[in-house]
C-alpha atoms as a PDB file:
ATOM      1  CA  MET A   1     -62.851  14.141 -73.677  1.00  0.00           C
ATOM      2  CA  SER A   2     -60.320  11.659 -72.448  1.00  0.00           C
ATOM      3  CA  THR A   3     -57.638  11.666 -69.792  1.00  0.00           C
ATOM      4  CA  SER A   4     -53.936  11.890 -70.290  1.00  0.00           C
ATOM      5  CA  LYS A   5     -52.163   9.050 -68.683  1.00  0.00           C
ATOM      6  CA  GLY A   6     -51.189  10.111 -65.063  1.00  0.00           C
ATOM      7  CA  SER A   7     -52.442  13.678 -65.437  1.00  0.00           C
ATOM      8  CA  GLY A   8     -56.082  13.247 -64.663  1.00  0.00           C
ATOM      9  CA  LYS A   9     -56.810  16.331 -66.998  1.00  0.00           C
ATOM     10  CA  LEU A  10     -59.359  16.016 -69.711  1.00  0.00           C
ATOM     11  CA  ARG A  11     -58.344  16.655 -73.349  1.00  0.00           C
ATOM     12  CA  PRO A  12     -60.438  16.629 -76.473  1.00  0.00           C
ATOM     13  CA  LEU A  13     -60.799  13.376 -78.407  1.00  0.00           C
ATOM     14  CA  GLY A  14     -59.817  15.039 -81.773  1.00  0.00           C
ATOM     15  CA  TYR A  15     -60.350  13.753 -85.255  1.00  0.00           C
ATOM     16  CA  TYR A  16     -58.590  10.377 -84.753  1.00  0.00           C
ATOM     17  CA  GLY A  17     -60.410   9.687 -81.542  1.00  0.00           C
ATOM     18  CA  ILE A  18     -63.747  10.260 -83.225  1.00  0.00           C
ATOM     19  CA  ARG A  19     -62.649   8.120 -86.228  1.00  0.00           C
ATOM     20  CA  ALA A  20     -61.808   5.342 -83.734  1.00  0.00           C
ATOM     21  CA  ILE A  21     -65.313   5.542 -82.224  1.00  0.00           C
ATOM     22  CA  GLN A  22     -66.738   5.316 -85.755  1.00  0.00           C
ATOM     23  CA  ARG A  23     -64.634   2.232 -86.557  1.00  0.00           C
ATOM     24  CA  LEU A  24     -65.672   0.628 -83.323  1.00  0.00           C
ATOM     25  CA  ALA A  25     -69.353   1.359 -83.973  1.00  0.00           C
ATOM     26  CA  ASN A  26     -69.021  -0.030 -87.562  1.00  0.00           C
ATOM     27  CA  TRP A  27     -67.464  -3.182 -86.319  1.00  0.00           C
ATOM     28  CA  TRP A  28     -70.125  -3.422 -83.628  1.00  0.00           C
ATOM     29  CA  ASN A  29     -72.930  -2.911 -86.123  1.00  0.00           C
ATOM     30  CA  LYS A  30     -71.426  -5.314 -88.665  1.00  0.00           C
ATOM     31  CA  GLY A  31     -74.322  -7.447 -89.914  1.00  0.00           C
ATOM     32  CA  VAL A  32     -76.837  -5.303 -88.083  1.00  0.00           C
ATOM     33  CA  LYS A  33     -78.945  -3.109 -90.310  1.00  0.00           C
ATOM     34  CA  LEU A  34     -79.246  -0.124 -87.978  1.00  0.00           C
ATOM     35  CA  PRO A  35     -78.174   3.381 -88.949  1.00  0.00           C
ATOM     36  CA  PHE A  36     -75.318   4.683 -86.898  1.00  0.00           C
ATOM     37  CA  LYS A  37     -75.459   8.274 -85.828  1.00  0.00           C
ATOM     38  CA  LEU A  38     -72.606   9.865 -83.894  1.00  0.00           C
ATOM     39  CA  ASP A  39     -74.145  12.751 -81.993  1.00  0.00           C
ATOM     40  CA  ASN A  40     -72.805  14.662 -79.009  1.00  0.00           C
ATOM     41  CA  GLU A  41     -74.580  12.363 -76.575  1.00  0.00           C
ATOM     42  CA  ALA A  42     -72.885   9.245 -78.047  1.00  0.00           C
ATOM     43  CA  ILE A  43     -69.454  11.080 -77.936  1.00  0.00           C
ATOM     44  CA  GLN A  44     -70.038  12.099 -74.351  1.00  0.00           C
ATOM     45  CA  ALA A  45     -71.102   8.548 -73.458  1.00  0.00           C
ATOM     46  CA  PHE A  46     -67.958   7.075 -75.002  1.00  0.00           C
ATOM     47  CA  GLN A  47     -65.711   9.733 -73.287  1.00  0.00           C
ATOM     48  CA  ASN A  48     -67.310   8.870 -69.928  1.00  0.00           C
ATOM     49  CA  LEU A  49     -66.610   5.148 -70.610  1.00  0.00           C
ATOM     50  CA  VAL A  50     -62.902   5.843 -71.449  1.00  0.00           C
ATOM     51  CA  GLU A  51     -62.572   7.978 -68.363  1.00  0.00           C
ATOM     52  CA  ALA A  52     -64.116   5.374 -66.104  1.00  0.00           C
ATOM     53  CA  MET A  53     -61.927   2.584 -67.486  1.00  0.00           C
ATOM     54  CA  SER A  54     -58.785   4.583 -67.019  1.00  0.00           C
ATOM     55  CA  MET A  55     -59.429   5.289 -63.343  1.00  0.00           C
ATOM     56  CA  SER A  56     -57.489   3.518 -60.622  1.00  0.00           C
ATOM     57  CA  PRO A  57     -60.030   0.925 -59.500  1.00  0.00           C
ATOM     58  CA  VAL A  58     -60.062  -0.792 -62.849  1.00  0.00           C
ATOM     59  CA  LEU A  59     -56.561  -2.370 -62.572  1.00  0.00           C
ATOM     60  CA  ALA A  60     -54.385  -2.658 -59.620  1.00  0.00           C
ATOM     61  CA  LEU A  61     -50.582  -2.725 -59.611  1.00  0.00           C
ATOM     62  CA  SER A  62     -49.066  -6.071 -58.713  1.00  0.00           C
ATOM     63  CA  VAL A  63     -47.390  -6.218 -55.371  1.00  0.00           C
ATOM     64  CA  VAL A  64     -45.455  -9.478 -54.634  1.00  0.00           C
ATOM     65  CA  GLU A  65     -46.164  -9.295 -50.862  1.00  0.00           C
ATOM     66  CA  PHE A  66     -49.917 -10.042 -51.420  1.00  0.00           C
ATOM     67  CA  ARG A  67     -51.564 -13.209 -52.551  1.00  0.00           C
ATOM     68  CA  PHE A  68     -52.508 -13.769 -56.170  1.00  0.00           C
ATOM     69  CA  SER A  69     -55.234 -15.778 -57.702  1.00  0.00           C
ATOM     70  CA  ILE A  70     -56.346 -16.566 -61.331  1.00  0.00           C
ATOM     71  CA  HIS A  71     -60.032 -16.891 -62.305  1.00  0.00           C
ATOM     72  CA  THR A  72     -60.640 -18.581 -65.607  1.00  0.00           C
ATOM     73  CA  ASP A  73     -63.773 -18.959 -67.813  1.00  0.00           C
ATOM     74  CA  ALA A  74     -64.388 -20.848 -70.962  1.00  0.00           C
ATOM     75  CA  SER A  75     -67.111 -21.198 -73.563  1.00  0.00           C
ATOM     76  CA  THR A  76     -67.353 -22.970 -76.849  1.00  0.00           C
ATOM     77  CA  SER A  77     -65.568 -20.254 -78.719  1.00  0.00           C
ATOM     78  CA  GLN A  78     -63.588 -18.125 -76.257  1.00  0.00           C
ATOM     79  CA  ILE A  79     -61.499 -18.443 -73.111  1.00  0.00           C
ATOM     80  CA  GLY A  80     -60.560 -15.766 -70.616  1.00  0.00           C
ATOM     81  CA  ALA A  81     -58.634 -15.362 -67.405  1.00  0.00           C
ATOM     82  CA  VAL A  82     -58.394 -12.603 -64.824  1.00  0.00           C
ATOM     83  CA  PHE A  83     -55.359 -12.223 -62.654  1.00  0.00           C
ATOM     84  CA  PHE A  84     -56.394 -11.062 -59.146  1.00  0.00           C
ATOM     85  CA  LEU A  85     -54.524  -9.552 -56.193  1.00  0.00           C
ATOM     86  CA  LYS A  86     -55.795  -9.881 -52.670  1.00  0.00           C
ATOM     87  CA  ASN A  87     -54.972  -6.541 -51.118  1.00  0.00           C
ATOM     88  CA  GLU A  88     -54.515  -5.713 -47.432  1.00  0.00           C
ATOM     89  CA  ASN A  89     -58.188  -5.256 -46.983  1.00  0.00           C
ATOM     90  CA  GLY A  90     -59.014  -8.676 -48.260  1.00  0.00           C
ATOM     91  CA  GLU A  91     -60.487  -7.375 -51.472  1.00  0.00           C
ATOM     92  CA  HIS A  92     -59.685  -9.060 -54.791  1.00  0.00           C
ATOM     93  CA  CYS A  93     -58.522  -6.438 -57.298  1.00  0.00           C
ATOM     94  CA  PRO A  94     -57.947  -7.301 -60.979  1.00  0.00           C
ATOM     95  CA  VAL A  95     -54.350  -6.894 -62.118  1.00  0.00           C
ATOM     96  CA  ALA A  96     -54.716  -8.129 -65.658  1.00  0.00           C
ATOM     97  CA  TYR A  97     -57.317  -9.466 -68.159  1.00  0.00           C
ATOM     98  CA  ARG A  98     -56.539 -12.145 -70.786  1.00  0.00           C
ATOM     99  CA  PRO A  99     -59.401 -12.857 -73.258  1.00  0.00           C
ATOM    100  CA  ARG A 100     -58.721 -15.065 -76.297  1.00  0.00           C
ATOM    101  CA  GLN A 101     -60.747 -16.371 -79.212  1.00  0.00           C
ATOM    102  CA  LEU A 102     -60.361 -20.106 -79.777  1.00  0.00           C
ATOM    103  CA  ASN A 103     -59.353 -21.398 -83.192  1.00  0.00           C
ATOM    104  CA  PRO A 104     -61.535 -24.148 -84.820  1.00  0.00           C
ATOM    105  CA  GLU A 105     -59.491 -27.043 -83.477  1.00  0.00           C
ATOM    106  CA  GLU A 106     -59.527 -25.673 -79.912  1.00  0.00           C
ATOM    107  CA  CYS A 107     -63.330 -25.261 -80.060  1.00  0.00           C
ATOM    108  CA  ASN A 108     -63.560 -29.126 -79.979  1.00  0.00           C
ATOM    109  CA  TYR A 109     -61.799 -29.390 -76.684  1.00  0.00           C
ATOM    110  CA  PRO A 110     -63.908 -30.325 -73.619  1.00  0.00           C
ATOM    111  CA  ALA A 111     -64.896 -27.469 -71.313  1.00  0.00           C
ATOM    112  CA  THR A 112     -62.559 -28.616 -68.513  1.00  0.00           C
ATOM    113  CA  GLU A 113     -59.610 -28.670 -70.973  1.00  0.00           C
ATOM    114  CA  ASN A 114     -60.532 -25.097 -72.160  1.00  0.00           C
ATOM    115  CA  GLU A 115     -60.648 -23.922 -68.464  1.00  0.00           C
ATOM    116  CA  CYS A 116     -57.111 -25.315 -68.001  1.00  0.00           C
ATOM    117  CA  PHE A 117     -56.000 -23.906 -71.420  1.00  0.00           C
ATOM    118  CA  ALA A 118     -57.067 -20.377 -70.200  1.00  0.00           C
ATOM    119  CA  LEU A 119     -54.296 -20.729 -67.596  1.00  0.00           C
ATOM    120  CA  VAL A 120     -51.636 -21.044 -70.204  1.00  0.00           C
END
């Protein structure tokens, strides 16, 4: 089951939703020699994950009256940034995520440059 945007009602995943789960699992298991079995428990777990990630606490709407901050992180192969909004309660709520895979040339940058590069 997944939720329709804005309705909060559950609807069945259907054929294409299940195929998407299988493609995701095949990508995840790439190179791993484990048999993949899609049973009702796995489908329910995926549906719960989709539902949890589509609820309101995951991403907040941006409001220009509040303060914003950007938190970055870098590794040798990836960079990422999270755009936060500090709401009226003083809590930092994520507004947007920006992960990115580095190309081979960018992997040679020092860590501090990759942190700055994540801002761009």
